[in-house]
Amino acid sequence: MNGTQSSTNGLLKMAKELHSLGWDYLMFALFVAFTVFTPLWKRLFGKTKQRSKADYVFATGGVSLIAVMISIARGTLGVRTVLGYPSELYYYGTAMWEVIYGMASAYPIVCFVFVPIYFNLGITSVYQYLDLR
């Protein structure tokens, strides 16, 4: 009787895992659909169209400075960075800490010094800033 009960418990546990797996697939499909159709909707039915590189980068002034900062940080810190650094630390040892300290000090400087200047001037590169000077 005990063996039958444990196999029944195992089947119930597996059924719960499959049920949760279905929710995982549903959430993944909804996320992919949202990320695909939102830009398409904005492109087809949006009010303004982008006309220049600055319109694309700064969304014609419709995006806040914080969103631009988060976008830049997210664009350079990807999944590869988060998943790859532990193995790099194991392989290279303490030498990898120099890279991590450099990134940890560079991101706040870029986000809180350079991005606000570029954002307020409406420029998209260092070369445009140098032309203004």
N, C-alpha and C. Protein backbone atom coordinates (compact mmCIF):
# COMPACT_ATOMS: atom_id res chain seq x y z
N MET A 1 0.82 -1.19 0.00
CA MET A 1 0.00 0.00 0.00
C MET A 1 0.86 1.25 0.00
N ASN A 2 1.98 1.16 0.71
CA ASN A 2 2.85 2.32 0.81
C ASN A 2 3.48 2.66 -0.54
N GLY A 3 3.84 1.67 -1.36
CA GLY A 3 4.42 1.91 -2.68
C GLY A 3 3.42 2.55 -3.62
N THR A 4 2.15 2.12 -3.52
CA THR A 4 1.10 2.70 -4.37
C THR A 4 0.85 4.16 -3.99
N GLN A 5 0.88 4.42 -2.71
CA GLN A 5 0.63 5.79 -2.24
C GLN A 5 1.76 6.72 -2.68
N SER A 6 3.01 6.26 -2.62
CA SER A 6 4.14 7.10 -3.02
C SER A 6 4.12 7.34 -4.53
N SER A 7 3.71 6.32 -5.33
CA SER A 7 3.63 6.54 -6.77
C SER A 7 2.49 7.49 -7.11
N THR A 8 1.40 7.44 -6.35
CA THR A 8 0.30 8.38 -6.55
C THR A 8 0.75 9.80 -6.21
N ASN A 9 1.48 9.95 -5.12
CA ASN A 9 2.01 11.26 -4.75
C ASN A 9 2.96 11.79 -5.82
N GLY A 10 3.76 10.88 -6.39
CA GLY A 10 4.68 11.28 -7.46
C GLY A 10 3.93 11.75 -8.69
N LEU A 11 2.83 11.04 -9.02
CA LEU A 11 2.02 11.44 -10.18
C LEU A 11 1.34 12.79 -9.94
N LEU A 12 0.85 13.01 -8.72
CA LEU A 12 0.23 14.30 -8.41
C LEU A 12 1.25 15.43 -8.48
N LYS A 13 2.45 15.15 -8.00
CA LYS A 13 3.50 16.16 -8.04
C LYS A 13 3.85 16.49 -9.49
N MET A 14 3.96 15.44 -10.34
CA MET A 14 4.27 15.65 -11.75
C MET A 14 3.15 16.42 -12.45
N ALA A 15 1.91 16.13 -12.10
CA ALA A 15 0.79 16.85 -12.70
C ALA A 15 0.82 18.33 -12.30
N LYS A 16 1.17 18.63 -11.05
CA LYS A 16 1.29 20.02 -10.62
C LYS A 16 2.41 20.72 -11.37
N GLU A 17 3.53 20.01 -11.59
CA GLU A 17 4.64 20.61 -12.32
C GLU A 17 4.25 20.89 -13.77
N LEU A 18 3.52 19.97 -14.40
CA LEU A 18 3.06 20.19 -15.77
C LEU A 18 2.07 21.34 -15.83
N HIS A 19 1.23 21.46 -14.83
CA HIS A 19 0.27 22.57 -14.77
C HIS A 19 1.02 23.90 -14.67
N SER A 20 2.04 23.95 -13.84
CA SER A 20 2.82 25.18 -13.72
C SER A 20 3.63 25.43 -14.98
N LEU A 21 4.05 24.38 -15.67
CA LEU A 21 4.77 24.54 -16.93
C LEU A 21 3.87 25.16 -17.99
N GLY A 22 2.60 24.80 -17.98
CA GLY A 22 1.65 25.42 -18.90
C GLY A 22 1.53 26.91 -18.66
N TRP A 23 1.49 27.32 -17.39
CA TRP A 23 1.46 28.75 -17.07
C TRP A 23 2.74 29.43 -17.54
N ASP A 24 3.86 28.74 -17.41
CA ASP A 24 5.13 29.32 -17.88
C ASP A 24 5.08 29.58 -19.39
N TYR A 25 4.59 28.59 -20.15
CA TYR A 25 4.49 28.78 -21.59
C TYR A 25 3.49 29.87 -21.95
N LEU A 26 2.40 29.95 -21.24
CA LEU A 26 1.42 31.00 -21.49
C LEU A 26 2.01 32.38 -21.24
N MET A 27 2.69 32.55 -20.12
CA MET A 27 3.30 33.84 -19.81
C MET A 27 4.39 34.20 -20.83
N PHE A 28 5.15 33.22 -21.25
CA PHE A 28 6.18 33.47 -22.25
C PHE A 28 5.55 33.91 -23.56
N ALA A 29 4.49 33.22 -23.99
CA ALA A 29 3.82 33.59 -25.23
C ALA A 29 3.20 34.99 -25.14
N LEU A 30 2.60 35.32 -24.01
CA LEU A 30 2.03 36.66 -23.85
C LEU A 30 3.13 37.72 -23.87
N PHE A 31 4.25 37.45 -23.23
CA PHE A 31 5.36 38.40 -23.23
C PHE A 31 5.89 38.62 -24.65
N VAL A 32 6.08 37.55 -25.40
CA VAL A 32 6.58 37.69 -26.77
C VAL A 32 5.57 38.44 -27.63
N ALA A 33 4.30 38.12 -27.49
CA ALA A 33 3.27 38.83 -28.26
C ALA A 33 3.25 40.31 -27.91
N PHE A 34 3.35 40.63 -26.64
CA PHE A 34 3.35 42.03 -26.21
C PHE A 34 4.55 42.77 -26.78
N THR A 35 5.74 42.16 -26.72
CA THR A 35 6.94 42.84 -27.20
C THR A 35 6.97 42.95 -28.73
N VAL A 36 6.26 42.09 -29.42
CA VAL A 36 6.22 42.18 -30.88
C VAL A 36 5.14 43.16 -31.34
N PHE A 37 3.97 43.08 -30.75
CA PHE A 37 2.85 43.87 -31.26
C PHE A 37 2.81 45.31 -30.76
N THR A 38 3.41 45.61 -29.62
CA THR A 38 3.42 46.99 -29.13
C THR A 38 4.16 47.93 -30.08
N PRO A 39 5.39 47.62 -30.49
CA PRO A 39 6.06 48.52 -31.44
C PRO A 39 5.35 48.58 -32.80
N LEU A 40 4.80 47.45 -33.23
CA LEU A 40 4.07 47.47 -34.50
C LEU A 40 2.84 48.37 -34.41
N TRP A 41 2.14 48.31 -33.30
CA TRP A 41 0.96 49.15 -33.10
C TRP A 41 1.36 50.62 -33.12
N LYS A 42 2.45 50.96 -32.40
CA LYS A 42 2.93 52.34 -32.38
C LYS A 42 3.37 52.80 -33.77
N ARG A 43 4.00 51.91 -34.51
CA ARG A 43 4.48 52.27 -35.85
C ARG A 43 3.33 52.50 -36.81
N LEU A 44 2.33 51.64 -36.74
CA LEU A 44 1.22 51.76 -37.69
C LEU A 44 0.22 52.83 -37.29
N PHE A 45 -0.06 52.97 -36.00
CA PHE A 45 -1.13 53.86 -35.57
C PHE A 45 -0.63 55.01 -34.69
N GLY A 46 0.69 55.18 -34.58
CA GLY A 46 1.23 56.25 -33.75
C GLY A 46 0.98 57.62 -34.38
N LYS A 47 1.05 58.65 -33.55
CA LYS A 47 0.77 60.00 -34.03
C LYS A 47 1.93 60.58 -34.84
N THR A 48 3.15 60.46 -34.33
CA THR A 48 4.29 61.06 -35.03
C THR A 48 5.22 59.98 -35.52
N LYS A 49 5.81 60.27 -36.64
CA LYS A 49 6.80 59.36 -37.21
C LYS A 49 8.18 59.94 -36.96
N GLN A 50 9.17 59.07 -36.80
CA GLN A 50 10.53 59.57 -36.57
C GLN A 50 11.10 60.10 -37.88
N ARG A 51 11.82 61.18 -37.78
CA ARG A 51 12.37 61.81 -38.97
C ARG A 51 13.90 61.85 -38.94
N SER A 52 14.50 61.73 -37.77
CA SER A 52 15.95 61.80 -37.68
C SER A 52 16.45 60.79 -36.65
N LYS A 53 17.77 60.72 -36.55
CA LYS A 53 18.37 59.82 -35.57
C LYS A 53 18.04 60.27 -34.15
N ALA A 54 17.99 61.56 -33.92
CA ALA A 54 17.66 62.08 -32.59
C ALA A 54 16.22 61.72 -32.22
N ASP A 55 15.31 61.74 -33.19
CA ASP A 55 13.93 61.33 -32.91
C ASP A 55 13.88 59.87 -32.49
N TYR A 56 14.71 59.05 -33.10
CA TYR A 56 14.74 57.64 -32.75
C TYR A 56 15.34 57.43 -31.36
N VAL A 57 16.47 58.08 -31.08
CA VAL A 57 17.17 57.87 -29.82
C VAL A 57 16.40 58.45 -28.65
N PHE A 58 15.87 59.66 -28.79
CA PHE A 58 15.20 60.33 -27.68
C PHE A 58 13.68 60.28 -27.79
N ALA A 59 13.14 59.58 -28.76
CA ALA A 59 11.69 59.41 -28.93
C ALA A 59 10.98 60.75 -28.99
N THR A 60 11.56 61.70 -29.68
CA THR A 60 11.00 63.03 -29.88
C THR A 60 10.62 63.70 -28.57
N GLY A 61 11.45 63.52 -27.57
CA GLY A 61 11.23 64.16 -26.28
C GLY A 61 10.15 63.51 -25.44
N GLY A 62 9.59 62.41 -25.87
CA GLY A 62 8.52 61.76 -25.14
C GLY A 62 8.99 60.77 -24.08
N VAL A 63 10.29 60.63 -23.92
CA VAL A 63 10.84 59.67 -22.97
C VAL A 63 11.58 60.44 -21.89
N SER A 64 11.44 59.99 -20.66
CA SER A 64 12.11 60.68 -19.55
C SER A 64 13.60 60.33 -19.53
N LEU A 65 14.33 61.12 -18.80
CA LEU A 65 15.77 60.91 -18.68
C LEU A 65 16.08 59.59 -17.99
N ILE A 66 15.29 59.23 -17.00
CA ILE A 66 15.49 57.95 -16.29
C ILE A 66 15.32 56.77 -17.24
N ALA A 67 14.34 56.85 -18.14
CA ALA A 67 14.13 55.76 -19.10
C ALA A 67 15.32 55.63 -20.05
N VAL A 68 15.90 56.74 -20.45
CA VAL A 68 17.08 56.69 -21.31
C VAL A 68 18.25 56.06 -20.56
N MET A 69 18.42 56.42 -19.29
CA MET A 69 19.51 55.84 -18.49
C MET A 69 19.34 54.33 -18.34
N ILE A 70 18.13 53.91 -18.03
CA ILE A 70 17.88 52.47 -17.85
C ILE A 70 18.08 51.74 -19.17
N SER A 71 17.68 52.35 -20.27
CA SER A 71 17.85 51.73 -21.57
C SER A 71 19.31 51.53 -21.91
N ILE A 72 20.13 52.53 -21.63
CA ILE A 72 21.56 52.40 -21.92
C ILE A 72 22.19 51.32 -21.04
N ALA A 73 21.85 51.33 -19.76
CA ALA A 73 22.41 50.31 -18.86
C ALA A 73 21.95 48.91 -19.28
N ARG A 74 20.70 48.77 -19.63
CA ARG A 74 20.18 47.46 -20.04
C ARG A 74 20.77 47.02 -21.36
N GLY A 75 21.04 47.96 -22.24
CA GLY A 75 21.61 47.60 -23.53
C GLY A 75 23.01 47.03 -23.43
N THR A 76 23.75 47.44 -22.42
CA THR A 76 25.11 46.94 -22.28
C THR A 76 25.24 45.84 -21.24
N LEU A 77 24.33 45.76 -20.30
CA LEU A 77 24.36 44.69 -19.30
C LEU A 77 23.30 43.66 -19.66
N GLY A 78 23.67 42.67 -20.37
CA GLY A 78 22.70 41.67 -20.81
C GLY A 78 22.78 40.40 -20.00
N VAL A 79 22.04 39.42 -20.46
CA VAL A 79 22.02 38.12 -19.81
C VAL A 79 23.40 37.47 -19.89
N ARG A 80 24.08 37.70 -20.99
CA ARG A 80 25.41 37.12 -21.15
C ARG A 80 26.35 37.62 -20.06
N THR A 81 26.22 38.89 -19.69
CA THR A 81 27.06 39.45 -18.64
C THR A 81 26.73 38.81 -17.30
N VAL A 82 25.45 38.73 -16.99
CA VAL A 82 25.04 38.20 -15.69
C VAL A 82 25.38 36.72 -15.57
N LEU A 83 25.18 35.96 -16.63
CA LEU A 83 25.47 34.53 -16.57
C LEU A 83 26.94 34.22 -16.80
N GLY A 84 27.65 35.07 -17.52
CA GLY A 84 29.02 34.77 -17.87
C GLY A 84 30.04 35.18 -16.83
N TYR A 85 29.76 36.20 -16.04
CA TYR A 85 30.75 36.67 -15.09
C TYR A 85 31.12 35.66 -14.01
N PRO A 86 30.22 34.87 -13.48
CA PRO A 86 30.67 33.87 -12.51
C PRO A 86 31.69 32.89 -13.08
N SER A 87 31.49 32.46 -14.32
CA SER A 87 32.47 31.54 -14.91
C SER A 87 33.77 32.26 -15.22
N GLU A 88 33.69 33.53 -15.64
CA GLU A 88 34.91 34.30 -15.88
C GLU A 88 35.69 34.51 -14.58
N LEU A 89 34.96 34.77 -13.48
CA LEU A 89 35.64 34.92 -12.19
C LEU A 89 36.33 33.62 -11.78
N TYR A 90 35.69 32.51 -12.05
CA TYR A 90 36.30 31.23 -11.71
C TYR A 90 37.53 30.97 -12.57
N TYR A 91 37.43 31.29 -13.86
CA TYR A 91 38.52 30.99 -14.79
C TYR A 91 39.69 31.95 -14.62
N TYR A 92 39.42 33.26 -14.56
CA TYR A 92 40.49 34.25 -14.49
C TYR A 92 40.87 34.65 -13.06
N GLY A 93 40.03 34.34 -12.12
CA GLY A 93 40.35 34.66 -10.73
C GLY A 93 40.13 36.12 -10.41
N THR A 94 41.00 36.66 -9.57
CA THR A 94 40.81 38.02 -9.08
C THR A 94 41.05 39.09 -10.13
N ALA A 95 41.67 38.76 -11.24
CA ALA A 95 41.89 39.75 -12.29
C ALA A 95 40.57 40.25 -12.87
N MET A 96 39.56 39.44 -12.81
CA MET A 96 38.24 39.83 -13.34
C MET A 96 37.60 40.90 -12.47
N TRP A 97 37.99 41.01 -11.20
CA TRP A 97 37.42 42.04 -10.33
C TRP A 97 37.73 43.44 -10.85
N GLU A 98 38.85 43.61 -11.54
CA GLU A 98 39.18 44.92 -12.11
C GLU A 98 38.12 45.35 -13.11
N VAL A 99 37.66 44.42 -13.91
CA VAL A 99 36.61 44.73 -14.89
C VAL A 99 35.31 45.08 -14.18
N ILE A 100 34.98 44.32 -13.16
CA ILE A 100 33.73 44.56 -12.43
C ILE A 100 33.78 45.90 -11.73
N TYR A 101 34.90 46.23 -11.08
CA TYR A 101 35.03 47.54 -10.43
C TYR A 101 34.97 48.66 -11.45
N GLY A 102 35.59 48.48 -12.59
CA GLY A 102 35.54 49.49 -13.64
C GLY A 102 34.12 49.74 -14.14
N MET A 103 33.38 48.65 -14.35
CA MET A 103 31.99 48.81 -14.81
C MET A 103 31.13 49.44 -13.73
N ALA A 104 31.34 49.03 -12.49
CA ALA A 104 30.53 49.57 -11.38
C ALA A 104 30.79 51.06 -11.19
N SER A 105 31.98 51.52 -11.50
CA SER A 105 32.25 52.96 -11.38
C SER A 105 31.91 53.72 -12.65
N ALA A 106 31.96 53.08 -13.81
CA ALA A 106 31.70 53.77 -15.07
C ALA A 106 30.21 54.00 -15.32
N TYR A 107 29.35 53.06 -14.97
CA TYR A 107 27.92 53.22 -15.25
C TYR A 107 27.30 54.43 -14.55
N PRO A 108 27.55 54.65 -13.27
CA PRO A 108 26.98 55.87 -12.67
C PRO A 108 27.53 57.15 -13.30
N ILE A 109 28.81 57.15 -13.67
CA ILE A 109 29.37 58.34 -14.30
C ILE A 109 28.69 58.60 -15.63
N VAL A 110 28.55 57.57 -16.44
CA VAL A 110 27.91 57.74 -17.75
C VAL A 110 26.45 58.15 -17.57
N CYS A 111 25.73 57.47 -16.69
CA CYS A 111 24.29 57.74 -16.56
C CYS A 111 23.99 59.08 -15.91
N PHE A 112 24.82 59.52 -14.97
CA PHE A 112 24.49 60.74 -14.25
C PHE A 112 25.29 61.96 -14.69
N VAL A 113 26.31 61.77 -15.53
CA VAL A 113 27.08 62.92 -16.01
C VAL A 113 26.86 63.12 -17.50
N PHE A 114 27.15 62.12 -18.32
CA PHE A 114 27.11 62.29 -19.76
C PHE A 114 25.70 62.27 -20.35
N VAL A 115 24.89 61.31 -19.93
CA VAL A 115 23.55 61.19 -20.51
C VAL A 115 22.70 62.44 -20.27
N PRO A 116 22.67 63.04 -19.08
CA PRO A 116 21.88 64.27 -18.92
C PRO A 116 22.35 65.41 -19.82
N ILE A 117 23.66 65.52 -20.03
CA ILE A 117 24.16 66.57 -20.92
C ILE A 117 23.69 66.32 -22.35
N TYR A 118 23.86 65.11 -22.84
CA TYR A 118 23.42 64.79 -24.20
C TYR A 118 21.92 64.93 -24.34
N PHE A 119 21.19 64.49 -23.32
CA PHE A 119 19.73 64.52 -23.37
C PHE A 119 19.23 65.96 -23.42
N ASN A 120 19.78 66.84 -22.59
CA ASN A 120 19.33 68.23 -22.56
C ASN A 120 19.72 68.99 -23.82
N LEU A 121 20.84 68.63 -24.44
CA LEU A 121 21.25 69.28 -25.67
C LEU A 121 20.57 68.68 -26.90
N GLY A 122 19.99 67.50 -26.74
CA GLY A 122 19.31 66.84 -27.86
C GLY A 122 20.27 66.27 -28.88
N ILE A 123 21.45 65.86 -28.43
CA ILE A 123 22.43 65.26 -29.33
C ILE A 123 22.58 63.79 -29.02
N THR A 124 23.18 63.07 -29.98
CA THR A 124 23.23 61.62 -29.83
C THR A 124 24.63 61.04 -29.79
N SER A 125 25.66 61.86 -29.93
CA SER A 125 27.01 61.32 -29.91
C SER A 125 28.00 62.34 -29.37
N VAL A 126 29.19 61.86 -29.06
CA VAL A 126 30.26 62.72 -28.59
C VAL A 126 30.69 63.68 -29.70
N TYR A 127 30.64 63.21 -30.94
CA TYR A 127 31.07 64.04 -32.06
C TYR A 127 30.17 65.26 -32.22
N GLN A 128 28.88 65.10 -32.02
CA GLN A 128 27.98 66.25 -32.08
C GLN A 128 28.28 67.23 -30.95
N TYR A 129 28.62 66.70 -29.78
CA TYR A 129 28.97 67.57 -28.66
C TYR A 129 30.25 68.35 -28.95
N LEU A 130 31.23 67.68 -29.55
CA LEU A 130 32.48 68.36 -29.90
C LEU A 130 32.26 69.41 -30.98
N ASP A 131 31.35 69.17 -31.89
CA ASP A 131 31.02 70.17 -32.91
C ASP A 131 30.38 71.40 -32.28
N LEU A 132 29.59 71.21 -31.23
CA LEU A 132 28.97 72.34 -30.55
C LEU A 132 29.99 73.19 -29.82
N ARG A 133 31.04 72.57 -29.35
CA ARG A 133 32.06 73.31 -28.59
C ARG A 133 32.91 74.05 -29.55
